[in-house]
C-alpha atoms as a PDB file:
ATOM      1  CA  UNK A   1      -0.002  -0.296   0.258  1.00  0.00           C
ATOM      2  CA  UNK A   2       2.786   2.273   0.655  1.00  0.00           C
ATOM      3  CA  UNK A   3       4.566   1.776  -2.318  1.00  0.00           C
ATOM      4  CA  UNK A   4       1.915   2.240  -4.177  1.00  0.00           C
ATOM      5  CA  UNK A   5       0.910   5.897  -2.272  1.00  0.00           C
ATOM      6  CA  UNK A   6       4.099   7.199  -3.761  1.00  0.00           C
ATOM      7  CA  UNK A   7       4.634   5.653  -7.088  1.00  0.00           C
ATOM      8  CA  UNK A   8       1.532   8.000  -7.524  1.00  0.00           C
ATOM      9  CA  UNK A   9       2.397  10.644  -5.422  1.00  0.00           C
ATOM     10  CA  UNK A  10       5.386  10.624  -7.459  1.00  0.00           C
ATOM     11  CA  UNK A  11       3.084  10.713 -11.059  1.00  0.00           C
ATOM     12  CA  UNK A  12       1.796  13.883  -9.315  1.00  0.00           C
ATOM     13  CA  UNK A  13       4.942  15.122  -8.882  1.00  0.00           C
ATOM     14  CA  UNK A  14       6.281  14.358 -12.595  1.00  0.00           C
ATOM     15  CA  UNK A  15       2.555  14.760 -13.754  1.00  0.00           C
ATOM     16  CA  UNK A  16       2.916  18.756 -12.405  1.00  0.00           C
ATOM     17  CA  UNK A  17       6.857  19.759 -12.849  1.00  0.00           C
ATOM     18  CA  UNK A  18       5.954  19.148 -16.940  1.00  0.00           C
ATOM     19  CA  UNK A  19       7.576  21.666 -19.458  1.00  0.00           C
ATOM     20  CA  UNK A  20       6.380  25.445 -18.847  1.00  0.00           C
ATOM     21  CA  UNK A  21       5.812  27.336 -22.332  1.00  0.00           C
ATOM     22  CA  UNK A  22       8.465  30.367 -21.604  1.00  0.00           C
ATOM     23  CA  UNK A  23       6.650  33.845 -21.875  1.00  0.00           C
ATOM     24  CA  UNK A  24       7.269  35.168 -25.601  1.00  0.00           C
ATOM     25  CA  UNK A  25       8.418  38.786 -24.896  1.00  0.00           C
ATOM     26  CA  UNK A  26       6.939  40.859 -28.491  1.00  0.00           C
ATOM     27  CA  UNK A  27       9.372  43.244 -29.727  1.00  0.00           C
ATOM     28  CA  UNK A  28       7.489  46.141 -32.070  1.00  0.00           C
ATOM     29  CA  UNK A  29       8.722  46.118 -35.353  1.00  0.00           C
ATOM     30  CA  UNK A  30       9.260  49.731 -35.973  1.00  0.00           C
ATOM     31  CA  UNK A  31      11.325  49.141 -39.795  1.00  0.00           C
ATOM     32  CA  UNK A  32       7.825  51.290 -41.232  1.00  0.00           C
ATOM     33  CA  UNK A  33      10.214  54.125 -39.769  1.00  0.00           C
ATOM     34  CA  UNK A  34      12.379  54.294 -41.992  1.00  0.00           C
ATOM     35  CA  UNK A  35      11.400  56.844 -44.080  1.00  0.00           C
ATOM     36  CA  UNK A  36      10.334  59.234 -40.519  1.00  0.00           C
ATOM     37  CA  UNK A  37      13.631  58.827 -39.919  1.00  0.00           C
ATOM     38  CA  UNK A  38      16.562  58.791 -42.431  1.00  0.00           C
ATOM     39  CA  UNK A  39      13.934  62.181 -43.301  1.00  0.00           C
ATOM     40  CA  UNK A  40      15.006  63.289 -39.546  1.00  0.00           C
ATOM     41  CA  UNK A  41      18.888  62.591 -40.017  1.00  0.00           C
ATOM     42  CA  UNK A  42      18.663  64.650 -43.012  1.00  0.00           C
ATOM     43  CA  UNK A  43      17.010  67.261 -41.190  1.00  0.00           C
ATOM     44  CA  UNK A  44      14.490  67.036 -43.572  1.00  0.00           C
ATOM     45  CA  UNK A  45      11.754  67.453 -41.025  1.00  0.00           C
ATOM     46  CA  UNK A  46      12.746  71.131 -39.856  1.00  0.00           C
ATOM     47  CA  UNK A  47      14.707  69.062 -36.471  1.00  0.00           C
ATOM     48  CA  UNK A  48      17.916  71.511 -38.607  1.00  0.00           C
ATOM     49  CA  UNK A  49      19.989  67.922 -37.972  1.00  0.00           C
ATOM     50  CA  UNK A  50      22.830  67.092 -41.560  1.00  0.00           C
ATOM     51  CA  UNK A  51      23.883  63.887 -40.043  1.00  0.00           C
ATOM     52  CA  UNK A  52      26.369  61.819 -42.305  1.00  0.00           C
ATOM     53  CA  UNK A  53      23.973  59.188 -41.544  1.00  0.00           C
ATOM     54  CA  UNK A  54      21.083  60.491 -43.214  1.00  0.00           C
ATOM     55  CA  UNK A  55      22.880  60.601 -46.332  1.00  0.00           C
ATOM     56  CA  UNK A  56      23.223  58.376 -49.535  1.00  0.00           C
ATOM     57  CA  UNK A  57      26.107  55.682 -49.471  1.00  0.00           C
ATOM     58  CA  UNK A  58      29.016  55.688 -51.061  1.00  0.00           C
ATOM     59  CA  UNK A  59      27.364  52.471 -53.536  1.00  0.00           C
ATOM     60  CA  UNK A  60      24.453  55.461 -53.850  1.00  0.00           C
ATOM     61  CA  UNK A  61      22.285  52.828 -51.728  1.00  0.00           C
ATOM     62  CA  UNK A  62      20.032  55.623 -50.125  1.00  0.00           C
ATOM     63  CA  UNK A  63      19.375  55.243 -46.302  1.00  0.00           C
ATOM     64  CA  UNK A  64      16.023  54.820 -46.696  1.00  0.00           C
ATOM     65  CA  UNK A  65      17.159  51.418 -48.115  1.00  0.00           C
ATOM     66  CA  UNK A  66      19.793  51.137 -46.071  1.00  0.00           C
ATOM     67  CA  UNK A  67      17.351  50.822 -42.834  1.00  0.00           C
ATOM     68  CA  UNK A  68      14.793  48.861 -44.513  1.00  0.00           C
ATOM     69  CA  UNK A  69      17.446  45.953 -45.619  1.00  0.00           C
ATOM     70  CA  UNK A  70      19.858  45.957 -42.159  1.00  0.00           C
ATOM     71  CA  UNK A  71      15.853  46.005 -39.742  1.00  0.00           C
ATOM     72  CA  UNK A  72      15.035  42.995 -42.488  1.00  0.00           C
ATOM     73  CA  UNK A  73      17.410  41.147 -42.145  1.00  0.00           C
ATOM     74  CA  UNK A  74      17.402  40.880 -38.205  1.00  0.00           C
ATOM     75  CA  UNK A  75      20.137  44.121 -37.395  1.00  0.00           C
ATOM     76  CA  UNK A  76      17.896  46.435 -35.328  1.00  0.00           C
ATOM     77  CA  UNK A  77      18.954  50.370 -36.395  1.00  0.00           C
ATOM     78  CA  UNK A  78      16.235  51.519 -33.844  1.00  0.00           C
ATOM     79  CA  UNK A  79      14.479  54.052 -36.725  1.00  0.00           C
ATOM     80  CA  UNK A  80      12.038  55.137 -33.666  1.00  0.00           C
ATOM     81  CA  UNK A  81      14.850  56.284 -31.670  1.00  0.00           C
ATOM     82  CA  UNK A  82      16.283  57.637 -34.134  1.00  0.00           C
ATOM     83  CA  UNK A  83      13.680  60.498 -34.788  1.00  0.00           C
ATOM     84  CA  UNK A  84      14.262  61.599 -31.023  1.00  0.00           C
ATOM     85  CA  UNK A  85      17.510  62.744 -31.426  1.00  0.00           C
ATOM     86  CA  UNK A  86      18.603  66.372 -31.306  1.00  0.00           C
ATOM     87  CA  UNK A  87      22.125  66.867 -32.264  1.00  0.00           C
ATOM     88  CA  UNK A  88      23.811  64.149 -34.941  1.00  0.00           C
ATOM     89  CA  UNK A  89      26.353  62.803 -31.514  1.00  0.00           C
ATOM     90  CA  UNK A  90      23.414  61.428 -30.338  1.00  0.00           C
ATOM     91  CA  UNK A  91      23.105  58.469 -32.962  1.00  0.00           C
ATOM     92  CA  UNK A  92      26.159  57.702 -30.680  1.00  0.00           C
ATOM     93  CA  UNK A  93      23.565  56.932 -27.406  1.00  0.00           C
ATOM     94  CA  UNK A  94      20.932  56.063 -28.872  1.00  0.00           C
ATOM     95  CA  UNK A  95      20.322  53.786 -25.423  1.00  0.00           C
ATOM     96  CA  UNK A  96      19.665  56.887 -24.003  1.00  0.00           C
ATOM     97  CA  UNK A  97      16.441  57.493 -25.687  1.00  0.00           C
ATOM     98  CA  UNK A  98      15.216  54.597 -26.385  1.00  0.00           C
ATOM     99  CA  UNK A  99      16.281  52.575 -23.071  1.00  0.00           C
ATOM    100  CA  UNK A 100      15.611  48.103 -23.577  1.00  0.00           C
ATOM    101  CA  UNK A 101      12.338  47.173 -22.309  1.00  0.00           C
END
């Protein structure tokens, strides 16, 4: 009888310790903000900026295309944060404008 009770307790314990689903962190995709970020860096939105990061690359790739391609390849550039910078040197500290969740 004790053996049966022990086995039932063990089975109940194992069932309770089954696999658990980990919470899924949803990171919003801010890729649609690429054009606004590039306009902001070029000062076309009234920001007064004229940052190198907003200019075309030497091969002619636009800021918008570079941002979209980079974002879509899984390397976040945080364009939703870029639109918050007040001066070009702020690009080195984007985390101050959009801290990680």
